[in-house]
Amino acid sequence: MKTVRCAIYTRKSSEEGLEQDFNSLDAQRESCAAYILSQASEGWTLIPDRYDDGGISGGTLARPALQRLLADVVTRRIDIIVVYKVDRLTRSLLDFSRLVEAFDAADT
């Protein structure tokens, strides 16, 4: 069976609550990790890298963790990106289209 390398991307717009021991980013990650685990029979494996953007709006693609994630997609370190909700990835339809184009280009 082929191993499918999965990355989790999390984002929270405000910094409120990020100082807590268990915050929204942790909850998103936990939910996504459980989903990846449920797909283990398909070869899905969570990579250890964390891609968390706390306190940054989804209205821009200029987010440090997102940029690292995109670079890892381009270098083919990641096969699948798992997000809690698609709006964690972006809130802009145009940016979503750009991300899909980048993902498709890396898949060729």
N, C-alpha and C. Protein backbone atom coordinates (compact mmCIF):
# COMPACT_ATOMS: atom_id res chain seq x y z
N MET A 1 0.85 -1.19 0.00
CA MET A 1 0.00 0.00 0.00
C MET A 1 0.89 1.24 0.00
N LYS A 2 0.50 2.20 -0.79
CA LYS A 2 1.23 3.46 -0.88
C LYS A 2 0.92 4.35 0.34
N THR A 3 1.96 4.94 0.90
CA THR A 3 1.79 5.88 2.00
C THR A 3 1.34 7.22 1.44
N VAL A 4 0.31 7.78 2.02
CA VAL A 4 -0.21 9.09 1.62
C VAL A 4 0.14 10.06 2.74
N ARG A 5 1.06 10.98 2.44
CA ARG A 5 1.54 11.92 3.46
C ARG A 5 0.54 13.08 3.59
N CYS A 6 0.02 13.22 4.80
CA CYS A 6 -1.02 14.22 5.07
C CYS A 6 -0.48 15.32 5.98
N ALA A 7 -0.85 16.55 5.66
CA ALA A 7 -0.52 17.70 6.49
C ALA A 7 -1.82 18.33 6.96
N ILE A 8 -1.77 18.88 8.16
CA ILE A 8 -2.93 19.60 8.71
C ILE A 8 -2.59 21.08 8.70
N TYR A 9 -3.52 21.88 8.16
CA TYR A 9 -3.37 23.33 8.21
C TYR A 9 -4.46 23.89 9.12
N THR A 10 -4.05 24.73 10.08
CA THR A 10 -5.01 25.37 10.98
C THR A 10 -4.81 26.88 10.95
N ARG A 11 -5.91 27.60 11.19
CA ARG A 11 -5.84 29.07 11.22
C ARG A 11 -6.91 29.60 12.15
N LYS A 12 -6.57 30.68 12.81
CA LYS A 12 -7.52 31.42 13.66
C LYS A 12 -7.27 32.89 13.41
N SER A 13 -8.31 33.64 13.11
CA SER A 13 -8.16 35.05 12.74
C SER A 13 -7.65 35.93 13.86
N SER A 14 -8.14 35.70 15.05
CA SER A 14 -7.75 36.58 16.16
C SER A 14 -6.77 35.86 17.08
N GLU A 15 -6.05 36.65 17.86
CA GLU A 15 -5.11 36.08 18.82
C GLU A 15 -5.80 35.72 20.14
N GLU A 16 -7.05 36.12 20.27
CA GLU A 16 -7.80 35.86 21.49
C GLU A 16 -7.86 34.36 21.78
N GLY A 17 -7.41 33.95 22.94
CA GLY A 17 -7.47 32.57 23.36
C GLY A 17 -6.28 31.71 22.95
N LEU A 18 -5.39 32.24 22.12
CA LEU A 18 -4.26 31.44 21.66
C LEU A 18 -3.29 31.09 22.79
N GLU A 19 -3.34 31.88 23.86
CA GLU A 19 -2.42 31.63 24.98
C GLU A 19 -2.89 30.46 25.86
N GLN A 20 -4.09 29.99 25.63
CA GLN A 20 -4.61 28.87 26.43
C GLN A 20 -3.87 27.58 26.11
N ASP A 21 -3.82 26.67 27.08
CA ASP A 21 -3.15 25.38 26.88
C ASP A 21 -3.76 24.60 25.71
N PHE A 22 -5.08 24.66 25.57
CA PHE A 22 -5.78 24.00 24.47
C PHE A 22 -6.65 25.05 23.82
N ASN A 23 -6.30 25.44 22.60
CA ASN A 23 -7.02 26.51 21.93
C ASN A 23 -7.66 26.03 20.64
N SER A 24 -8.21 26.96 19.88
CA SER A 24 -8.92 26.63 18.65
C SER A 24 -8.02 25.91 17.65
N LEU A 25 -6.76 26.30 17.56
CA LEU A 25 -5.84 25.63 16.64
C LEU A 25 -5.65 24.17 17.05
N ASP A 26 -5.54 23.94 18.34
CA ASP A 26 -5.39 22.57 18.84
C ASP A 26 -6.64 21.74 18.54
N ALA A 27 -7.82 22.35 18.73
CA ALA A 27 -9.08 21.65 18.46
C ALA A 27 -9.20 21.30 16.98
N GLN A 28 -8.84 22.24 16.11
CA GLN A 28 -8.87 21.96 14.67
C GLN A 28 -7.92 20.81 14.33
N ARG A 29 -6.70 20.88 14.88
CA ARG A 29 -5.70 19.86 14.62
C ARG A 29 -6.16 18.49 15.11
N GLU A 30 -6.73 18.45 16.30
CA GLU A 30 -7.21 17.19 16.87
C GLU A 30 -8.28 16.55 15.98
N SER A 31 -9.21 17.37 15.50
CA SER A 31 -10.28 16.87 14.64
C SER A 31 -9.71 16.33 13.32
N CYS A 32 -8.78 17.07 12.73
CA CYS A 32 -8.17 16.65 11.47
C CYS A 32 -7.33 15.39 11.65
N ALA A 33 -6.61 15.31 12.74
CA ALA A 33 -5.78 14.13 13.02
C ALA A 33 -6.66 12.88 13.17
N ALA A 34 -7.81 13.04 13.80
CA ALA A 34 -8.74 11.92 13.95
C ALA A 34 -9.24 11.46 12.59
N TYR A 35 -9.50 12.41 11.69
CA TYR A 35 -9.95 12.04 10.35
C TYR A 35 -8.85 11.30 9.60
N ILE A 36 -7.63 11.80 9.70
CA ILE A 36 -6.50 11.13 9.03
C ILE A 36 -6.36 9.70 9.57
N LEU A 37 -6.46 9.55 10.87
CA LEU A 37 -6.38 8.23 11.49
C LEU A 37 -7.47 7.30 10.96
N SER A 38 -8.65 7.86 10.72
CA SER A 38 -9.77 7.05 10.21
C SER A 38 -9.50 6.56 8.78
N GLN A 39 -8.54 7.18 8.10
CA GLN A 39 -8.20 6.81 6.73
C GLN A 39 -6.90 5.99 6.67
N ALA A 40 -6.43 5.52 7.81
CA ALA A 40 -5.17 4.76 7.86
C ALA A 40 -5.20 3.54 6.94
N SER A 41 -6.35 2.93 6.79
CA SER A 41 -6.45 1.75 5.91
C SER A 41 -6.19 2.10 4.45
N GLU A 42 -6.27 3.40 4.14
CA GLU A 42 -5.99 3.89 2.78
C GLU A 42 -4.54 4.36 2.66
N GLY A 43 -3.77 4.21 3.73
CA GLY A 43 -2.37 4.60 3.71
C GLY A 43 -2.09 6.00 4.20
N TRP A 44 -3.12 6.70 4.69
CA TRP A 44 -2.94 8.07 5.15
C TRP A 44 -2.08 8.09 6.42
N THR A 45 -1.08 8.97 6.40
CA THR A 45 -0.18 9.14 7.54
C THR A 45 0.04 10.62 7.77
N LEU A 46 -0.09 11.04 9.02
CA LEU A 46 0.12 12.45 9.38
C LEU A 46 1.61 12.74 9.47
N ILE A 47 2.07 13.76 8.74
CA ILE A 47 3.47 14.16 8.87
C ILE A 47 3.60 14.99 10.15
N PRO A 48 4.79 15.04 10.75
CA PRO A 48 4.93 15.71 12.04
C PRO A 48 4.94 17.24 11.97
N ASP A 49 5.21 17.83 10.82
CA ASP A 49 5.27 19.29 10.71
C ASP A 49 3.92 19.91 11.04
N ARG A 50 3.98 21.06 11.72
CA ARG A 50 2.76 21.81 12.06
C ARG A 50 2.67 23.04 11.17
N TYR A 51 1.48 23.28 10.66
CA TYR A 51 1.20 24.45 9.83
C TYR A 51 0.05 25.20 10.49
N ASP A 52 0.39 26.05 11.44
CA ASP A 52 -0.60 26.77 12.25
C ASP A 52 -0.39 28.27 12.08
N ASP A 53 -1.42 28.97 11.65
CA ASP A 53 -1.39 30.43 11.56
C ASP A 53 -2.39 30.99 12.57
N GLY A 54 -1.90 31.41 13.71
CA GLY A 54 -2.76 31.97 14.74
C GLY A 54 -2.73 33.49 14.68
N GLY A 55 -3.90 34.09 14.72
CA GLY A 55 -4.00 35.55 14.72
C GLY A 55 -3.83 36.18 13.36
N ILE A 56 -4.10 35.41 12.29
CA ILE A 56 -3.93 35.94 10.93
C ILE A 56 -5.21 35.70 10.14
N SER A 57 -5.66 36.73 9.46
CA SER A 57 -6.88 36.68 8.67
C SER A 57 -6.78 35.71 7.50
N GLY A 58 -7.90 35.11 7.17
CA GLY A 58 -7.98 34.24 6.00
C GLY A 58 -8.19 35.02 4.72
N GLY A 59 -8.17 36.34 4.82
CA GLY A 59 -8.37 37.19 3.65
C GLY A 59 -7.10 37.43 2.85
N THR A 60 -6.00 36.84 3.28
CA THR A 60 -4.73 37.01 2.58
C THR A 60 -4.01 35.66 2.51
N LEU A 61 -3.21 35.48 1.48
CA LEU A 61 -2.39 34.28 1.38
C LEU A 61 -1.02 34.49 2.01
N ALA A 62 -0.75 35.71 2.46
CA ALA A 62 0.54 36.05 3.06
C ALA A 62 0.56 35.63 4.53
N ARG A 63 0.55 34.32 4.74
CA ARG A 63 0.58 33.75 6.09
C ARG A 63 1.77 32.80 6.16
N PRO A 64 2.61 32.94 7.18
CA PRO A 64 3.84 32.15 7.24
C PRO A 64 3.64 30.63 7.12
N ALA A 65 2.73 30.08 7.89
CA ALA A 65 2.54 28.63 7.84
C ALA A 65 1.96 28.19 6.50
N LEU A 66 1.06 28.99 5.95
CA LEU A 66 0.51 28.66 4.63
C LEU A 66 1.60 28.67 3.57
N GLN A 67 2.49 29.63 3.64
CA GLN A 67 3.58 29.69 2.67
C GLN A 67 4.52 28.49 2.80
N ARG A 68 4.79 28.06 4.03
CA ARG A 68 5.60 26.85 4.24
C ARG A 68 4.89 25.62 3.70
N LEU A 69 3.57 25.56 3.93
CA LEU A 69 2.76 24.46 3.43
C LEU A 69 2.83 24.40 1.91
N LEU A 70 2.65 25.54 1.26
CA LEU A 70 2.70 25.59 -0.20
C LEU A 70 4.07 25.16 -0.72
N ALA A 71 5.12 25.58 -0.06
CA ALA A 71 6.47 25.19 -0.46
C ALA A 71 6.64 23.67 -0.33
N ASP A 72 6.08 23.09 0.72
CA ASP A 72 6.18 21.64 0.90
C ASP A 72 5.33 20.88 -0.10
N VAL A 73 4.24 21.47 -0.56
CA VAL A 73 3.43 20.86 -1.63
C VAL A 73 4.24 20.86 -2.92
N VAL A 74 4.87 21.99 -3.23
CA VAL A 74 5.66 22.12 -4.46
C VAL A 74 6.81 21.11 -4.48
N THR A 75 7.45 20.91 -3.33
CA THR A 75 8.57 19.96 -3.26
C THR A 75 8.10 18.52 -3.04
N ARG A 76 6.79 18.32 -3.08
CA ARG A 76 6.16 17.01 -2.99
C ARG A 76 6.43 16.28 -1.67
N ARG A 77 6.49 17.04 -0.58
CA ARG A 77 6.60 16.45 0.76
C ARG A 77 5.22 16.08 1.30
N ILE A 78 4.17 16.62 0.65
CA ILE A 78 2.80 16.45 1.12
C ILE A 78 1.94 15.95 -0.05
N ASP A 79 1.09 14.98 0.24
CA ASP A 79 0.15 14.47 -0.76
C ASP A 79 -1.25 15.03 -0.57
N ILE A 80 -1.65 15.21 0.69
CA ILE A 80 -3.00 15.68 1.01
C ILE A 80 -2.94 16.71 2.12
N ILE A 81 -3.73 17.77 1.98
CA ILE A 81 -3.87 18.78 3.02
C ILE A 81 -5.25 18.61 3.64
N VAL A 82 -5.28 18.52 4.96
CA VAL A 82 -6.54 18.35 5.68
C VAL A 82 -6.79 19.62 6.48
N VAL A 83 -7.99 20.18 6.34
CA VAL A 83 -8.39 21.36 7.09
C VAL A 83 -9.72 21.07 7.78
N TYR A 84 -9.94 21.73 8.91
CA TYR A 84 -11.18 21.56 9.65
C TYR A 84 -12.38 22.01 8.82
N LYS A 85 -12.25 23.18 8.22
CA LYS A 85 -13.24 23.74 7.30
C LYS A 85 -12.47 24.47 6.21
N VAL A 86 -13.03 24.53 5.03
CA VAL A 86 -12.31 25.16 3.92
C VAL A 86 -12.02 26.63 4.20
N ASP A 87 -12.82 27.30 5.01
CA ASP A 87 -12.56 28.71 5.30
C ASP A 87 -11.33 28.91 6.18
N ARG A 88 -10.79 27.82 6.75
CA ARG A 88 -9.53 27.92 7.48
C ARG A 88 -8.38 28.11 6.48
N LEU A 89 -8.54 27.57 5.28
CA LEU A 89 -7.53 27.70 4.24
C LEU A 89 -7.57 29.10 3.63
N THR A 90 -8.76 29.57 3.30
CA THR A 90 -8.92 30.93 2.77
C THR A 90 -10.39 31.34 2.86
N ARG A 91 -10.61 32.64 2.91
CA ARG A 91 -11.97 33.18 2.89
C ARG A 91 -12.28 33.84 1.55
N SER A 92 -11.32 33.80 0.64
CA SER A 92 -11.47 34.45 -0.66
C SER A 92 -11.63 33.40 -1.76
N LEU A 93 -12.69 33.52 -2.55
CA LEU A 93 -12.90 32.60 -3.65
C LEU A 93 -11.77 32.69 -4.67
N LEU A 94 -11.29 33.90 -4.93
CA LEU A 94 -10.17 34.08 -5.86
C LEU A 94 -8.91 33.40 -5.32
N ASP A 95 -8.62 33.58 -4.03
CA ASP A 95 -7.46 32.93 -3.44
C ASP A 95 -7.61 31.42 -3.44
N PHE A 96 -8.82 30.92 -3.21
CA PHE A 96 -9.07 29.48 -3.26
C PHE A 96 -8.74 28.95 -4.65
N SER A 97 -9.15 29.67 -5.66
CA SER A 97 -8.85 29.28 -7.04
C SER A 97 -7.34 29.25 -7.27
N ARG A 98 -6.64 30.24 -6.75
CA ARG A 98 -5.17 30.27 -6.89
C ARG A 98 -4.53 29.08 -6.18
N LEU A 99 -5.03 28.75 -5.00
CA LEU A 99 -4.48 27.62 -4.27
C LEU A 99 -4.72 26.31 -5.03
N VAL A 100 -5.91 26.13 -5.58
CA VAL A 100 -6.21 24.93 -6.35
C VAL A 100 -5.28 24.83 -7.56
N GLU A 101 -5.03 25.95 -8.22
CA GLU A 101 -4.10 25.95 -9.35
C GLU A 101 -2.70 25.53 -8.89
N ALA A 102 -2.26 26.04 -7.77
CA ALA A 102 -0.93 25.66 -7.24
C ALA A 102 -0.89 24.18 -6.88
N PHE A 103 -1.95 23.66 -6.28
CA PHE A 103 -2.01 22.25 -5.93
C PHE A 103 -2.00 21.38 -7.20
N ASP A 104 -2.78 21.78 -8.19
CA ASP A 104 -2.82 21.04 -9.45
C ASP A 104 -1.47 21.04 -10.15
N ALA A 105 -0.80 22.18 -10.14
CA ALA A 105 0.51 22.28 -10.80
C ALA A 105 1.53 21.37 -10.11
N ALA A 106 1.45 21.26 -8.80
CA ALA A 106 2.38 20.42 -8.05
C ALA A 106 2.08 18.94 -8.24
N ASP A 107 0.86 18.63 -8.66
CA ASP A 107 0.42 17.24 -8.82
C ASP A 107 0.81 16.66 -10.17
N THR A 108 1.32 17.47 -11.07
CA THR A 108 1.63 16.96 -12.41
C THR A 108 2.97 16.31 -12.49
